[in-house]
PDB file of N, CA and C in Angstrom:
ATOM      1  N   MET A   1      55.689  96.702  90.029  1.00  0.00           N
ATOM      2  CA  MET A   1      56.736  97.458  90.664  1.00  0.00           C
ATOM      3  C   MET A   1      57.658  98.051  89.584  1.00  0.00           C
ATOM      4  N   ALA A   2      57.796  99.356  89.597  1.00  0.00           N
ATOM      5  CA  ALA A   2      58.646 100.029  88.622  1.00  0.00           C
ATOM      6  C   ALA A   2      60.110  99.838  89.009  1.00  0.00           C
ATOM      7  N   SER A   3      60.915  99.475  88.043  1.00  0.00           N
ATOM      8  CA  SER A   3      62.341  99.279  88.295  1.00  0.00           C
ATOM      9  C   SER A   3      63.108 100.537  87.908  1.00  0.00           C
ATOM     10  N   VAL A   4      64.162 100.794  88.637  1.00  0.00           N
ATOM     11  CA  VAL A   4      65.016 101.949  88.372  1.00  0.00           C
ATOM     12  C   VAL A   4      66.324 101.438  87.794  1.00  0.00           C
ATOM     13  N   PRO A   5      66.798 102.026  86.687  1.00  0.00           N
ATOM     14  CA  PRO A   5      68.053 101.563  86.093  1.00  0.00           C
ATOM     15  C   PRO A   5      69.244 101.810  87.022  1.00  0.00           C
ATOM     16  N   PHE A   6      70.233 100.944  86.883  1.00  0.00           N
ATOM     17  CA  PHE A   6      71.447 101.048  87.692  1.00  0.00           C
ATOM     18  C   PHE A   6      72.078 102.426  87.579  1.00  0.00           C
ATOM     19  N   LYS A   7      72.083 102.999  86.388  1.00  0.00           N
ATOM     20  CA  LYS A   7      72.688 104.316  86.169  1.00  0.00           C
ATOM     21  C   LYS A   7      72.079 105.360  87.110  1.00  0.00           C
ATOM     22  N   SER A   8      70.772 105.367  87.253  1.00  0.00           N
ATOM     23  CA  SER A   8      70.096 106.326  88.136  1.00  0.00           C
ATOM     24  C   SER A   8      70.472 106.091  89.590  1.00  0.00           C
ATOM     25  N   LEU A   9      70.518 104.824  89.990  1.00  0.00           N
ATOM     26  CA  LEU A   9      70.883 104.494  91.370  1.00  0.00           C
ATOM     27  C   LEU A   9      72.337 104.869  91.666  1.00  0.00           C
ATOM     28  N   PHE A  10      73.205 104.620  90.694  1.00  0.00           N
ATOM     29  CA  PHE A  10      74.621 104.966  90.839  1.00  0.00           C
ATOM     30  C   PHE A  10      74.771 106.472  91.021  1.00  0.00           C
ATOM     31  N   CYS A  11      74.123 107.239  90.154  1.00  0.00           N
ATOM     32  CA  CYS A  11      74.246 108.704  90.210  1.00  0.00           C
ATOM     33  C   CYS A  11      73.659 109.258  91.505  1.00  0.00           C
ATOM     34  N   GLU A  12      72.584 108.649  91.980  1.00  0.00           N
ATOM     35  CA  GLU A  12      72.008 109.075  93.254  1.00  0.00           C
ATOM     36  C   GLU A  12      72.982 108.792  94.398  1.00  0.00           C
ATOM     37  N   ARG A  13      73.567 107.629  94.375  1.00  0.00           N
ATOM     38  CA  ARG A  13      74.491 107.221  95.442  1.00  0.00           C
ATOM     39  C   ARG A  13      75.762 108.077  95.473  1.00  0.00           C
ATOM     40  N   PHE A  14      76.300 108.409  94.299  1.00  0.00           N
ATOM     41  CA  PHE A  14      77.564 109.130  94.227  1.00  0.00           C
ATOM     42  C   PHE A  14      77.403 110.625  93.918  1.00  0.00           C
ATOM     43  N   GLY A  15      76.170 111.078  93.871  1.00  0.00           N
ATOM     44  CA  GLY A  15      75.909 112.497  93.692  1.00  0.00           C
ATOM     45  C   GLY A  15      76.445 113.075  92.396  1.00  0.00           C
ATOM     46  N   CYS A  16      76.194 112.387  91.307  1.00  0.00           N
ATOM     47  CA  CYS A  16      76.662 112.886  90.013  1.00  0.00           C
ATOM     48  C   CYS A  16      75.486 112.994  89.050  1.00  0.00           C
ATOM     49  N   PRO A  17      75.540 113.935  88.119  1.00  0.00           N
ATOM     50  CA  PRO A  17      74.490 114.002  87.102  1.00  0.00           C
ATOM     51  C   PRO A  17      74.622 112.814  86.146  1.00  0.00           C
ATOM     52  N   PRO A  18      73.523 112.404  85.524  1.00  0.00           N
ATOM     53  CA  PRO A  18      73.567 111.251  84.603  1.00  0.00           C
ATOM     54  C   PRO A  18      74.594 111.389  83.485  1.00  0.00           C
ATOM     55  N   GLU A  19      74.889 112.630  83.070  1.00  0.00           N
ATOM     56  CA  GLU A  19      75.865 112.842  81.994  1.00  0.00           C
ATOM     57  C   GLU A  19      77.272 112.411  82.413  1.00  0.00           C
ATOM     58  N   GLU A  20      77.532 112.361  83.703  1.00  0.00           N
ATOM     59  CA  GLU A  20      78.860 111.979  84.196  1.00  0.00           C
ATOM     60  C   GLU A  20      78.956 110.501  84.569  1.00  0.00           C
ATOM     61  N   TYR A  21      77.860 109.778  84.392  1.00  0.00           N
ATOM     62  CA  TYR A  21      77.834 108.367  84.813  1.00  0.00           C
ATOM     63  C   TYR A  21      78.984 107.556  84.216  1.00  0.00           C
ATOM     64  N   ASP A  22      79.180 107.629  82.903  1.00  0.00           N
ATOM     65  CA  ASP A  22      80.203 106.792  82.251  1.00  0.00           C
ATOM     66  C   ASP A  22      81.584 106.998  82.874  1.00  0.00           C
ATOM     67  N   GLU A  23      81.988 108.243  82.997  1.00  0.00           N
ATOM     68  CA  GLU A  23      83.320 108.534  83.543  1.00  0.00           C
ATOM     69  C   GLU A  23      83.420 108.176  85.025  1.00  0.00           C
ATOM     70  N   ARG A  24      82.388 108.480  85.794  1.00  0.00           N
ATOM     71  CA  ARG A  24      82.422 108.191  87.235  1.00  0.00           C
ATOM     72  C   ARG A  24      82.438 106.684  87.473  1.00  0.00           C
ATOM     73  N   ALA A  25      81.624 105.953  86.727  1.00  0.00           N
ATOM     74  CA  ALA A  25      81.595 104.496  86.874  1.00  0.00           C
ATOM     75  C   ALA A  25      82.931 103.900  86.426  1.00  0.00           C
ATOM     76  N   PHE A  26      83.487 104.428  85.345  1.00  0.00           N
ATOM     77  CA  PHE A  26      84.787 103.958  84.864  1.00  0.00           C
ATOM     78  C   PHE A  26      85.828 104.062  85.971  1.00  0.00           C
ATOM     79  N   ARG A  27      85.927 105.223  86.606  1.00  0.00           N
ATOM     80  CA  ARG A  27      86.908 105.408  87.682  1.00  0.00           C
ATOM     81  C   ARG A  27      86.592 104.518  88.882  1.00  0.00           C
ATOM     82  N   ALA A  28      85.319 104.363  89.201  1.00  0.00           N
ATOM     83  CA  ALA A  28      84.939 103.548  90.360  1.00  0.00           C
ATOM     84  C   ALA A  28      85.238 102.064  90.147  1.00  0.00           C
ATOM     85  N   PHE A  29      85.119 101.589  88.916  1.00  0.00           N
ATOM     86  CA  PHE A  29      85.275 100.158  88.634  1.00  0.00           C
ATOM     87  C   PHE A  29      86.684  99.751  88.235  1.00  0.00           C
ATOM     88  N   LEU A  30      87.572 100.708  88.025  1.00  0.00           N
ATOM     89  CA  LEU A  30      88.955 100.365  87.675  1.00  0.00           C
ATOM     90  C   LEU A  30      89.627  99.625  88.831  1.00  0.00           C
ATOM     91  N   TYR A  31      90.511  98.713  88.479  1.00  0.00           N
ATOM     92  CA  TYR A  31      91.372  98.122  89.502  1.00  0.00           C
ATOM     93  C   TYR A  31      92.208  99.259  90.088  1.00  0.00           C
ATOM     94  N   TRP A  32      92.609  99.124  91.346  1.00  0.00           N
ATOM     95  CA  TRP A  32      93.360 100.182  92.019  1.00  0.00           C
ATOM     96  C   TRP A  32      94.626 100.554  91.264  1.00  0.00           C
ATOM     97  N   HIS A  33      95.396  99.570  90.854  1.00  0.00           N
ATOM     98  CA  HIS A  33      96.652  99.877  90.159  1.00  0.00           C
ATOM     99  C   HIS A  33      96.392 100.507  88.787  1.00  0.00           C
ATOM    100  N   ALA A  34      95.243 100.227  88.197  1.00  0.00           N
ATOM    101  CA  ALA A  34      94.919 100.768  86.875  1.00  0.00           C
ATOM    102  C   ALA A  34      94.551 102.245  86.940  1.00  0.00           C
ATOM    103  N   ARG A  35      94.137 102.719  88.105  1.00  0.00           N
ATOM    104  CA  ARG A  35      93.765 104.134  88.236  1.00  0.00           C
ATOM    105  C   ARG A  35      94.943 105.054  87.933  1.00  0.00           C
ATOM    106  N   ILE A  36      96.126 104.602  88.227  1.00  0.00           N
ATOM    107  CA  ILE A  36      97.328 105.406  87.988  1.00  0.00           C
ATOM    108  C   ILE A  36      97.652 105.440  86.493  1.00  0.00           C
ATOM    109  N   LEU A  37      97.531 104.294  85.831  1.00  0.00           N
ATOM    110  CA  LEU A  37      97.935 104.175  84.432  1.00  0.00           C
ATOM    111  C   LEU A  37      96.847 104.517  83.419  1.00  0.00           C
ATOM    112  N   ALA A  38      95.592 104.457  83.817  1.00  0.00           N
ATOM    113  CA  ALA A  38      94.492 104.656  82.873  1.00  0.00           C
ATOM    114  C   ALA A  38      94.564 105.984  82.113  1.00  0.00           C
ATOM    115  N   PRO A  39      94.839 107.114  82.767  1.00  0.00           N
ATOM    116  CA  PRO A  39      94.915 108.365  81.998  1.00  0.00           C
ATOM    117  C   PRO A  39      96.012 108.333  80.920  1.00  0.00           C
ATOM    118  N   VAL A  40      97.131 107.712  81.223  1.00  0.00           N
ATOM    119  CA  VAL A  40      98.229 107.615  80.255  1.00  0.00           C
ATOM    120  C   VAL A  40      97.826 106.697  79.100  1.00  0.00           C
ATOM    121  N   VAL A  41      97.233 105.555  79.432  1.00  0.00           N
ATOM    122  CA  VAL A  41      96.805 104.606  78.401  1.00  0.00           C
ATOM    123  C   VAL A  41      95.751 105.245  77.504  1.00  0.00           C
ATOM    124  N   ARG A  42      94.801 105.975  78.099  1.00  0.00           N
ATOM    125  CA  ARG A  42      93.757 106.634  77.296  1.00  0.00           C
ATOM    126  C   ARG A  42      94.358 107.671  76.354  1.00  0.00           C
ATOM    127  N   ALA A  43      95.394 108.366  76.799  1.00  0.00           N
ATOM    128  CA  ALA A  43      96.033 109.378  75.952  1.00  0.00           C
ATOM    129  C   ALA A  43      96.788 108.729  74.782  1.00  0.00           C
ATOM    130  N   LEU A  44      97.456 107.610  75.063  1.00  0.00           N
ATOM    131  CA  LEU A  44      98.260 106.948  74.032  1.00  0.00           C
ATOM    132  C   LEU A  44      97.437 106.029  73.130  1.00  0.00           C
ATOM    133  N   LYS A  45      96.420 105.420  73.697  1.00  0.00           N
ATOM    134  CA  LYS A  45      95.617 104.438  72.956  1.00  0.00           C
ATOM    135  C   LYS A  45      94.135 104.667  73.303  1.00  0.00           C
ATOM    136  N   PRO A  46      93.492 105.656  72.691  1.00  0.00           N
ATOM    137  CA  PRO A  46      92.137 106.055  73.066  1.00  0.00           C
ATOM    138  C   PRO A  46      91.085 104.937  73.029  1.00  0.00           C
ATOM    139  N   ASN A  47      91.244 103.966  72.153  1.00  0.00           N
ATOM    140  CA  ASN A  47      90.247 102.886  72.049  1.00  0.00           C
ATOM    141  C   ASN A  47      90.496 101.727  72.996  1.00  0.00           C
ATOM    142  N   HIS A  48      91.529 101.804  73.801  1.00  0.00           N
ATOM    143  CA  HIS A  48      91.870 100.704  74.705  1.00  0.00           C
ATOM    144  C   HIS A  48      90.703 100.330  75.622  1.00  0.00           C
ATOM    145  N   PHE A  49      89.947 101.296  76.090  1.00  0.00           N
ATOM    146  CA  PHE A  49      88.867 101.049  77.044  1.00  0.00           C
ATOM    147  C   PHE A  49      87.485 101.024  76.391  1.00  0.00           C
ATOM    148  N   ALA A  50      87.425 100.864  75.077  1.00  0.00           N
ATOM    149  CA  ALA A  50      86.133 100.891  74.374  1.00  0.00           C
ATOM    150  C   ALA A  50      85.156  99.849  74.928  1.00  0.00           C
ATOM    151  N   GLU A  51      85.625  98.617  75.111  1.00  0.00           N
ATOM    152  CA  GLU A  51      84.728  97.575  75.624  1.00  0.00           C
ATOM    153  C   GLU A  51      84.353  97.818  77.084  1.00  0.00           C
ATOM    154  N   ASP A  52      85.248  98.420  77.847  1.00  0.00           N
ATOM    155  CA  ASP A  52      84.949  98.760  79.232  1.00  0.00           C
ATOM    156  C   ASP A  52      83.765  99.731  79.275  1.00  0.00           C
ATOM    157  N   PHE A  53      83.793 100.733  78.382  1.00  0.00           N
ATOM    158  CA  PHE A  53      82.710 101.707  78.346  1.00  0.00           C
ATOM    159  C   PHE A  53      81.413 101.100  77.803  1.00  0.00           C
ATOM    160  N   HIS A  54      81.506 100.147  76.864  1.00  0.00           N
ATOM    161  CA  HIS A  54      80.299  99.432  76.425  1.00  0.00           C
ATOM    162  C   HIS A  54      79.685  98.699  77.608  1.00  0.00           C
ATOM    163  N   PHE A  55      80.512  98.017  78.369  1.00  0.00           N
ATOM    164  CA  PHE A  55      80.038  97.298  79.554  1.00  0.00           C
ATOM    165  C   PHE A  55      79.370  98.261  80.538  1.00  0.00           C
ATOM    166  N   ILE A  56      80.005  99.392  80.794  1.00  0.00           N
ATOM    167  CA  ILE A  56      79.462 100.376  81.737  1.00  0.00           C
ATOM    168  C   ILE A  56      78.111 100.891  81.255  1.00  0.00           C
ATOM    169  N   ARG A  57      77.976 101.138  79.962  1.00  0.00           N
ATOM    170  CA  ARG A  57      76.691 101.619  79.422  1.00  0.00           C
ATOM    171  C   ARG A  57      75.608 100.545  79.530  1.00  0.00           C
ATOM    172  N   TYR A  58      75.947  99.307  79.186  1.00  0.00           N
ATOM    173  CA  TYR A  58      74.964  98.229  79.310  1.00  0.00           C
ATOM    174  C   TYR A  58      74.560  98.041  80.766  1.00  0.00           C
ATOM    175  N   LEU A  59      75.525  98.071  81.659  1.00  0.00           N
ATOM    176  CA  LEU A  59      75.236  97.928  83.079  1.00  0.00           C
ATOM    177  C   LEU A  59      74.331  99.060  83.554  1.00  0.00           C
ATOM    178  N   GLY A  60      74.547 100.249  83.041  1.00  0.00           N
ATOM    179  CA  GLY A  60      73.724 101.394  83.416  1.00  0.00           C
ATOM    180  C   GLY A  60      72.258 101.208  83.088  1.00  0.00           C
ATOM    181  N   GLU A  61      71.953 100.383  82.100  1.00  0.00           N
ATOM    182  CA  GLU A  61      70.568 100.119  81.696  1.00  0.00           C
ATOM    183  C   GLU A  61      69.934  98.974  82.479  1.00  0.00           C
ATOM    184  N   ALA A  62      70.721  98.248  83.262  1.00  0.00           N
ATOM    185  CA  ALA A  62      70.207  97.085  84.001  1.00  0.00           C
ATOM    186  C   ALA A  62      69.142  97.519  85.001  1.00  0.00           C
ATOM    187  N   LEU A  63      68.046  96.774  85.019  1.00  0.00           N
ATOM    188  CA  LEU A  63      66.934  97.067  85.921  1.00  0.00           C
ATOM    189  C   LEU A  63      66.896  96.142  87.123  1.00  0.00           C
ATOM    190  N   ASP A  64      67.657  95.058  87.049  1.00  0.00           N
ATOM    191  CA  ASP A  64      67.692  94.123  88.173  1.00  0.00           C
ATOM    192  C   ASP A  64      69.047  93.416  88.208  1.00  0.00           C
ATOM    193  N   VAL A  65      69.266  92.671  89.270  1.00  0.00           N
ATOM    194  CA  VAL A  65      70.567  92.025  89.446  1.00  0.00           C
ATOM    195  C   VAL A  65      70.829  90.956  88.398  1.00  0.00           C
ATOM    196  N   ARG A  66      69.794  90.357  87.897  1.00  0.00           N
ATOM    197  CA  ARG A  66      69.982  89.330  86.861  1.00  0.00           C
ATOM    198  C   ARG A  66      70.593  89.959  85.607  1.00  0.00           C
ATOM    199  N   GLN A  67      70.068  91.101  85.193  1.00  0.00           N
ATOM    200  CA  GLN A  67      70.629  91.787  84.028  1.00  0.00           C
ATOM    201  C   GLN A  67      72.067  92.240  84.309  1.00  0.00           C
ATOM    202  N   ALA A  68      72.310  92.744  85.501  1.00  0.00           N
ATOM    203  CA  ALA A  68      73.663  93.195  85.864  1.00  0.00           C
ATOM    204  C   ALA A  68      74.637  92.022  85.833  1.00  0.00           C
ATOM    205  N   ARG A  69      74.199  90.895  86.327  1.00  0.00           N
ATOM    206  CA  ARG A  69      75.055  89.704  86.336  1.00  0.00           C
ATOM    207  C   ARG A  69      75.390  89.252  84.915  1.00  0.00           C
ATOM    208  N   VAL A  70      74.403  89.281  84.041  1.00  0.00           N
ATOM    209  CA  VAL A  70      74.622  88.892  82.640  1.00  0.00           C
ATOM    210  C   VAL A  70      75.592  89.868  81.968  1.00  0.00           C
ATOM    211  N   ASP A  71      75.407  91.164  82.208  1.00  0.00           N
ATOM    212  CA  ASP A  71      76.311  92.155  81.626  1.00  0.00           C
ATOM    213  C   ASP A  71      77.746  91.940  82.104  1.00  0.00           C
ATOM    214  N   ALA A  72      77.911  91.683  83.393  1.00  0.00           N
ATOM    215  CA  ALA A  72      79.250  91.446  83.947  1.00  0.00           C
ATOM    216  C   ALA A  72      79.867  90.180  83.358  1.00  0.00           C
ATOM    217  N   GLN A  73      79.066  89.136  83.211  1.00  0.00           N
ATOM    218  CA  GLN A  73      79.575  87.884  82.647  1.00  0.00           C
ATOM    219  C   GLN A  73      79.950  88.060  81.181  1.00  0.00           C
ATOM    220  N   ASP A  74      79.151  88.819  80.439  1.00  0.00           N
ATOM    221  CA  ASP A  74      79.472  89.081  79.026  1.00  0.00           C
ATOM    222  C   ASP A  74      80.802  89.820  78.898  1.00  0.00           C
ATOM    223  N   PHE A  75      81.024  90.800  79.772  1.00  0.00           N
ATOM    224  CA  PHE A  75      82.287  91.550  79.739  1.00  0.00           C
ATOM    225  C   PHE A  75      83.451  90.626  80.093  1.00  0.00           C
ATOM    226  N   LYS A  76      83.253  89.805  81.094  1.00  0.00           N
ATOM    227  CA  LYS A  76      84.298  88.856  81.502  1.00  0.00           C
ATOM    228  C   LYS A  76      84.623  87.901  80.352  1.00  0.00           C
ATOM    229  N   ASP A  77      83.599  87.381  79.691  1.00  0.00           N
ATOM    230  CA  ASP A  77      83.805  86.473  78.563  1.00  0.00           C
ATOM    231  C   ASP A  77      84.525  87.174  77.414  1.00  0.00           C
ATOM    232  N   TRP A  78      84.122  88.418  77.115  1.00  0.00           N
ATOM    233  CA  TRP A  78      84.780  89.168  76.051  1.00  0.00           C
ATOM    234  C   TRP A  78      86.270  89.330  76.370  1.00  0.00           C
ATOM    235  N   ASP A  79      86.553  89.663  77.624  1.00  0.00           N
ATOM    236  CA  ASP A  79      87.937  89.893  78.023  1.00  0.00           C
ATOM    237  C   ASP A  79      88.782  88.632  77.863  1.00  0.00           C
ATOM    238  N   ARG A  80      88.203  87.493  78.185  1.00  0.00           N
ATOM    239  CA  ARG A  80      88.940  86.226  78.040  1.00  0.00           C
ATOM    240  C   ARG A  80      89.164  85.858  76.581  1.00  0.00           C
ATOM    241  N   LYS A  81      88.185  86.141  75.736  1.00  0.00           N
ATOM    242  CA  LYS A  81      88.295  85.787  74.324  1.00  0.00           C
ATOM    243  C   LYS A  81      89.215  86.718  73.558  1.00  0.00           C
ATOM    244  N   ASN A  82      89.335  87.948  74.018  1.00  0.00           N
ATOM    245  CA  ASN A  82      90.114  88.961  73.307  1.00  0.00           C
ATOM    246  C   ASN A  82      91.310  89.387  74.152  1.00  0.00           C
ATOM    247  N   TRP A  83      92.134  88.435  74.481  1.00  0.00           N
ATOM    248  CA  TRP A  83      93.260  88.676  75.378  1.00  0.00           C
ATOM    249  C   TRP A  83      94.171  89.748  74.814  1.00  0.00           C
ATOM    250  N   GLN A  84      94.490  90.728  75.657  1.00  0.00           N
ATOM    251  CA  GLN A  84      95.427  91.791  75.323  1.00  0.00           C
ATOM    252  C   GLN A  84      96.355  91.963  76.512  1.00  0.00           C
ATOM    253  N   TRP A  85      97.592  92.229  76.243  1.00  0.00           N
ATOM    254  CA  TRP A  85      98.594  92.322  77.305  1.00  0.00           C
ATOM    255  C   TRP A  85      98.205  93.343  78.369  1.00  0.00           C
ATOM    256  N   LEU A  86      97.882  94.569  77.970  1.00  0.00           N
ATOM    257  CA  LEU A  86      97.523  95.603  78.952  1.00  0.00           C
ATOM    258  C   LEU A  86      96.172  95.327  79.593  1.00  0.00           C
ATOM    259  N   HIS A  87      95.195  94.987  78.776  1.00  0.00           N
ATOM    260  CA  HIS A  87      93.821  94.857  79.269  1.00  0.00           C
ATOM    261  C   HIS A  87      93.635  93.634  80.158  1.00  0.00           C
ATOM    262  N   THR A  88      94.012  92.495  79.668  1.00  0.00           N
ATOM    263  CA  THR A  88      93.785  91.250  80.397  1.00  0.00           C
ATOM    264  C   THR A  88      94.982  90.857  81.247  1.00  0.00           C
ATOM    265  N   GLY A  89      96.159  90.913  80.661  1.00  0.00           N
ATOM    266  CA  GLY A  89      97.364  90.480  81.365  1.00  0.00           C
ATOM    267  C   GLY A  89      97.689  91.339  82.577  1.00  0.00           C
ATOM    268  N   LEU A  90      97.735  92.647  82.384  1.00  0.00           N
ATOM    269  CA  LEU A  90      98.064  93.559  83.488  1.00  0.00           C
ATOM    270  C   LEU A  90      96.825  94.131  84.184  1.00  0.00           C
ATOM    271  N   ARG A  91      95.671  93.774  83.690  1.00  0.00           N
ATOM    272  CA  ARG A  91      94.391  94.243  84.247  1.00  0.00           C
ATOM    273  C   ARG A  91      94.274  95.759  84.279  1.00  0.00           C
ATOM    274  N   ILE A  92      94.667  96.387  83.212  1.00  0.00           N
ATOM    275  CA  ILE A  92      94.463  97.830  83.066  1.00  0.00           C
ATOM    276  C   ILE A  92      93.084  97.962  82.425  1.00  0.00           C
ATOM    277  N   ARG A  93      92.080  97.784  83.267  1.00  0.00           N
ATOM    278  CA  ARG A  93      90.687  97.751  82.829  1.00  0.00           C
ATOM    279  C   ARG A  93      89.778  97.882  84.044  1.00  0.00           C
ATOM    280  N   VAL A  94      88.470  97.936  83.755  1.00  0.00           N
ATOM    281  CA  VAL A  94      87.524  97.940  84.863  1.00  0.00           C
ATOM    282  C   VAL A  94      87.351  96.508  85.358  1.00  0.00           C
ATOM    283  N   SER A  95      86.964  96.387  86.604  1.00  0.00           N
ATOM    284  CA  SER A  95      86.749  95.082  87.212  1.00  0.00           C
ATOM    285  C   SER A  95      85.271  94.723  87.132  1.00  0.00           C
ATOM    286  N   HIS A  96      84.971  93.634  86.438  1.00  0.00           N
ATOM    287  CA  HIS A  96      83.572  93.203  86.364  1.00  0.00           C
ATOM    288  C   HIS A  96      83.058  92.835  87.754  1.00  0.00           C
ATOM    289  N   ARG A  97      83.941  92.347  88.602  1.00  0.00           N
ATOM    290  CA  ARG A  97      83.552  91.943  89.947  1.00  0.00           C
ATOM    291  C   ARG A  97      83.165  93.145  90.817  1.00  0.00           C
ATOM    292  N   LYS A  98      83.952  94.224  90.734  1.00  0.00           N
ATOM    293  CA  LYS A  98      83.615  95.441  91.480  1.00  0.00           C
ATOM    294  C   LYS A  98      82.282  96.005  90.999  1.00  0.00           C
ATOM    295  N   ALA A  99      82.083  96.013  89.695  1.00  0.00           N
ATOM    296  CA  ALA A  99      80.836  96.530  89.123  1.00  0.00           C
ATOM    297  C   ALA A  99      79.651  95.674  89.566  1.00  0.00           C
ATOM    298  N   ARG A 100      79.824  94.371  89.521  1.00  0.00           N
ATOM    299  CA  ARG A 100      78.736  93.462  89.905  1.00  0.00           C
ATOM    300  C   ARG A 100      78.383  93.621  91.384  1.00  0.00           C
ATOM    301  N   ARG A 101      79.396  93.745  92.236  1.00  0.00           N
ATOM    302  CA  ARG A 101      79.129  93.936  93.671  1.00  0.00           C
ATOM    303  C   ARG A 101      78.321  95.194  93.938  1.00  0.00           C
ATOM    304  N   LEU A 102      78.713  96.279  93.293  1.00  0.00           N
ATOM    305  CA  LEU A 102      77.984  97.533  93.491  1.00  0.00           C
ATOM    306  C   LEU A 102      76.568  97.421  92.926  1.00  0.00           C
ATOM    307  N   ALA A 103      76.421  96.757  91.799  1.00  0.00           N
ATOM    308  CA  ALA A 103      75.086  96.566  91.224  1.00  0.00           C
ATOM    309  C   ALA A 103      74.198  95.778  92.191  1.00  0.00           C
ATOM    310  N   PHE A 104      74.753  94.743  92.813  1.00  0.00           N
ATOM    311  CA  PHE A 104      73.974  93.962  93.773  1.00  0.00           C
ATOM    312  C   PHE A 104      73.576  94.814  94.969  1.00  0.00           C
ATOM    313  N   GLN A 105      74.486  95.693  95.418  1.00  0.00           N
ATOM    314  CA  GLN A 105      74.164  96.578  96.541  1.00  0.00           C
ATOM    315  C   GLN A 105      73.054  97.554  96.178  1.00  0.00           C
ATOM    316  N   LEU A 106      73.121  98.131  94.998  1.00  0.00           N
ATOM    317  CA  LEU A 106      72.163  99.164  94.618  1.00  0.00           C
ATOM    318  C   LEU A 106      70.842  98.609  94.097  1.00  0.00           C
ATOM    319  N   LEU A 107      70.891  97.495  93.397  1.00  0.00           N
ATOM    320  CA  LEU A 107      69.670  96.925  92.821  1.00  0.00           C
ATOM    321  C   LEU A 107      68.966  95.957  93.769  1.00  0.00           C
ATOM    322  N   GLY A 108      69.640  95.557  94.823  1.00  0.00           N
ATOM    323  CA  GLY A 108      69.049  94.621  95.773  1.00  0.00           C
ATOM    324  C   GLY A 108      69.682  93.259  95.660  1.00  0.00           C
ATOM    325  N   LYS A 109      69.429  92.456  96.681  1.00  0.00           N
ATOM    326  CA  LYS A 109      69.987  91.100  96.685  1.00  0.00           C
ATOM    327  C   LYS A 109      69.394  90.282  95.554  1.00  0.00           C
ATOM    328  N   PRO A 110      70.199  89.446  94.957  1.00  0.00           N
ATOM    329  CA  PRO A 110      69.668  88.559  93.913  1.00  0.00           C
ATOM    330  C   PRO A 110      68.605  87.637  94.491  1.00  0.00           C
ATOM    331  N   GLU A 111      67.589  87.333  93.698  1.00  0.00           N
ATOM    332  CA  GLU A 111      66.510  86.481  94.182  1.00  0.00           C
ATOM    333  C   GLU A 111      66.990  85.061  94.494  1.00  0.00           C
ATOM    334  N   TRP A 112      68.113  84.644  93.894  1.00  0.00           N
ATOM    335  CA  TRP A 112      68.617  83.302  94.176  1.00  0.00           C
ATOM    336  C   TRP A 112      69.355  83.248  95.514  1.00  0.00           C
ATOM    337  N   ILE A 113      69.562  84.403  96.172  1.00  0.00           N
ATOM    338  CA  ILE A 113      70.149  84.430  97.511  1.00  0.00           C
ATOM    339  C   ILE A 113      69.041  84.851  98.462  1.00  0.00           C
ATOM    340  N   ASN A 114      68.343  83.887  99.009  1.00  0.00           N
ATOM    341  CA  ASN A 114      67.213  84.163  99.882  1.00  0.00           C
ATOM    342  C   ASN A 114      67.350  83.344 101.150  1.00  0.00           C
ATOM    343  N   PRO A 115      67.706  83.984 102.283  1.00  0.00           N
ATOM    344  CA  PRO A 115      67.908  83.224 103.517  1.00  0.00           C
ATOM    345  C   PRO A 115      66.637  82.538 104.011  1.00  0.00           C
ATOM    346  N   ALA A 116      65.458  83.049 103.648  1.00  0.00           N
ATOM    347  CA  ALA A 116      64.207  82.431 104.077  1.00  0.00           C
ATOM    348  C   ALA A 116      63.941  81.139 103.313  1.00  0.00           C
ATOM    349  N   ASN A 117      64.563  80.988 102.159  1.00  0.00           N
ATOM    350  CA  ASN A 117      64.350  79.817 101.317  1.00  0.00           C
ATOM    351  C   ASN A 117      65.717  79.274 100.891  1.00  0.00           C
ATOM    352  N   PRO A 118      66.434  78.608 101.804  1.00  0.00           N
ATOM    353  CA  PRO A 118      67.780  78.149 101.471  1.00  0.00           C
ATOM    354  C   PRO A 118      67.787  77.148 100.331  1.00  0.00           C
ATOM    355  N   ALA A 119      68.880  77.178  99.599  1.00  0.00           N
ATOM    356  CA  ALA A 119      69.054  76.253  98.484  1.00  0.00           C
ATOM    357  C   ALA A 119      69.205  74.832  99.024  1.00  0.00           C
ATOM    358  N   PRO A 120      68.751  73.867  98.271  1.00  0.00           N
ATOM    359  CA  PRO A 120      68.912  72.478  98.701  1.00  0.00           C
ATOM    360  C   PRO A 120      70.391  72.139  98.907  1.00  0.00           C
ATOM    361  N   GLN A 121      70.662  71.337  99.885  1.00  0.00           N
ATOM    362  CA  GLN A 121      72.034  70.974 100.247  1.00  0.00           C
ATOM    363  C   GLN A 121      72.546  69.775  99.456  1.00  0.00           C
ATOM    364  N   GLY A 122      71.770  69.250  98.584  1.00  0.00           N
ATOM    365  CA  GLY A 122      72.206  68.081  97.830  1.00  0.00           C
ATOM    366  C   GLY A 122      71.645  66.817  98.472  1.00  0.00           C
ATOM    367  N   ARG A 123      72.058  65.698  97.986  1.00  0.00           N
ATOM    368  CA  ARG A 123      71.536  64.431  98.499  1.00  0.00           C
ATOM    369  C   ARG A 123      72.250  64.054  99.766  1.00  0.00           C
ATOM    370  N   SER A 124      71.495  63.624 100.721  1.00  0.00           N
ATOM    371  CA  SER A 124      72.094  63.097 101.944  1.00  0.00           C
ATOM    372  C   SER A 124      71.988  61.582 101.879  1.00  0.00           C
ATOM    373  N   GLY A 125      72.693  60.974 102.744  1.00  0.00           N
ATOM    374  CA  GLY A 125      72.632  59.497 102.774  1.00  0.00           C
ATOM    375  C   GLY A 125      71.205  59.024 102.932  1.00  0.00           C
ATOM    376  N   GLY A 126      70.785  58.036 102.212  1.00  0.00           N
ATOM    377  CA  GLY A 126      69.411  57.555 102.228  1.00  0.00           C
ATOM    378  C   GLY A 126      69.007  57.047 103.596  1.00  0.00           C
ATOM    379  N   THR A 127      67.716  57.156 103.875  1.00  0.00           N
ATOM    380  CA  THR A 127      67.196  56.633 105.136  1.00  0.00           C
ATOM    381  C   THR A 127      66.339  55.436 104.899  1.00  0.00           C
TER     382      THR A 127
END
């Protein structure tokens, strides 16, 4: 089965050419309050969103939900390790959670979420 990268699915869903993927995904994944401030922050501090765009590019190459999940977790980990007042404190950044949700919608349900094969419930009292 041939896999389609997230970038292609995103552009198909939102009707944008692949060249606009980075900017369109950036706007789609920003926290709501960050949408107002992002243009100002980009003008004053152009590199502020560098890691956000790295994350968006890596996510665009994801072929399945597992890769998308790893990319989102890597971005989340980077953000925690490199705390910045605007980026982490005020969340003037993209949301890894919003990106991951959309990736799951477009790439399909994760294989670990399968209603036909429920996860074990743990140990029950012995019989």
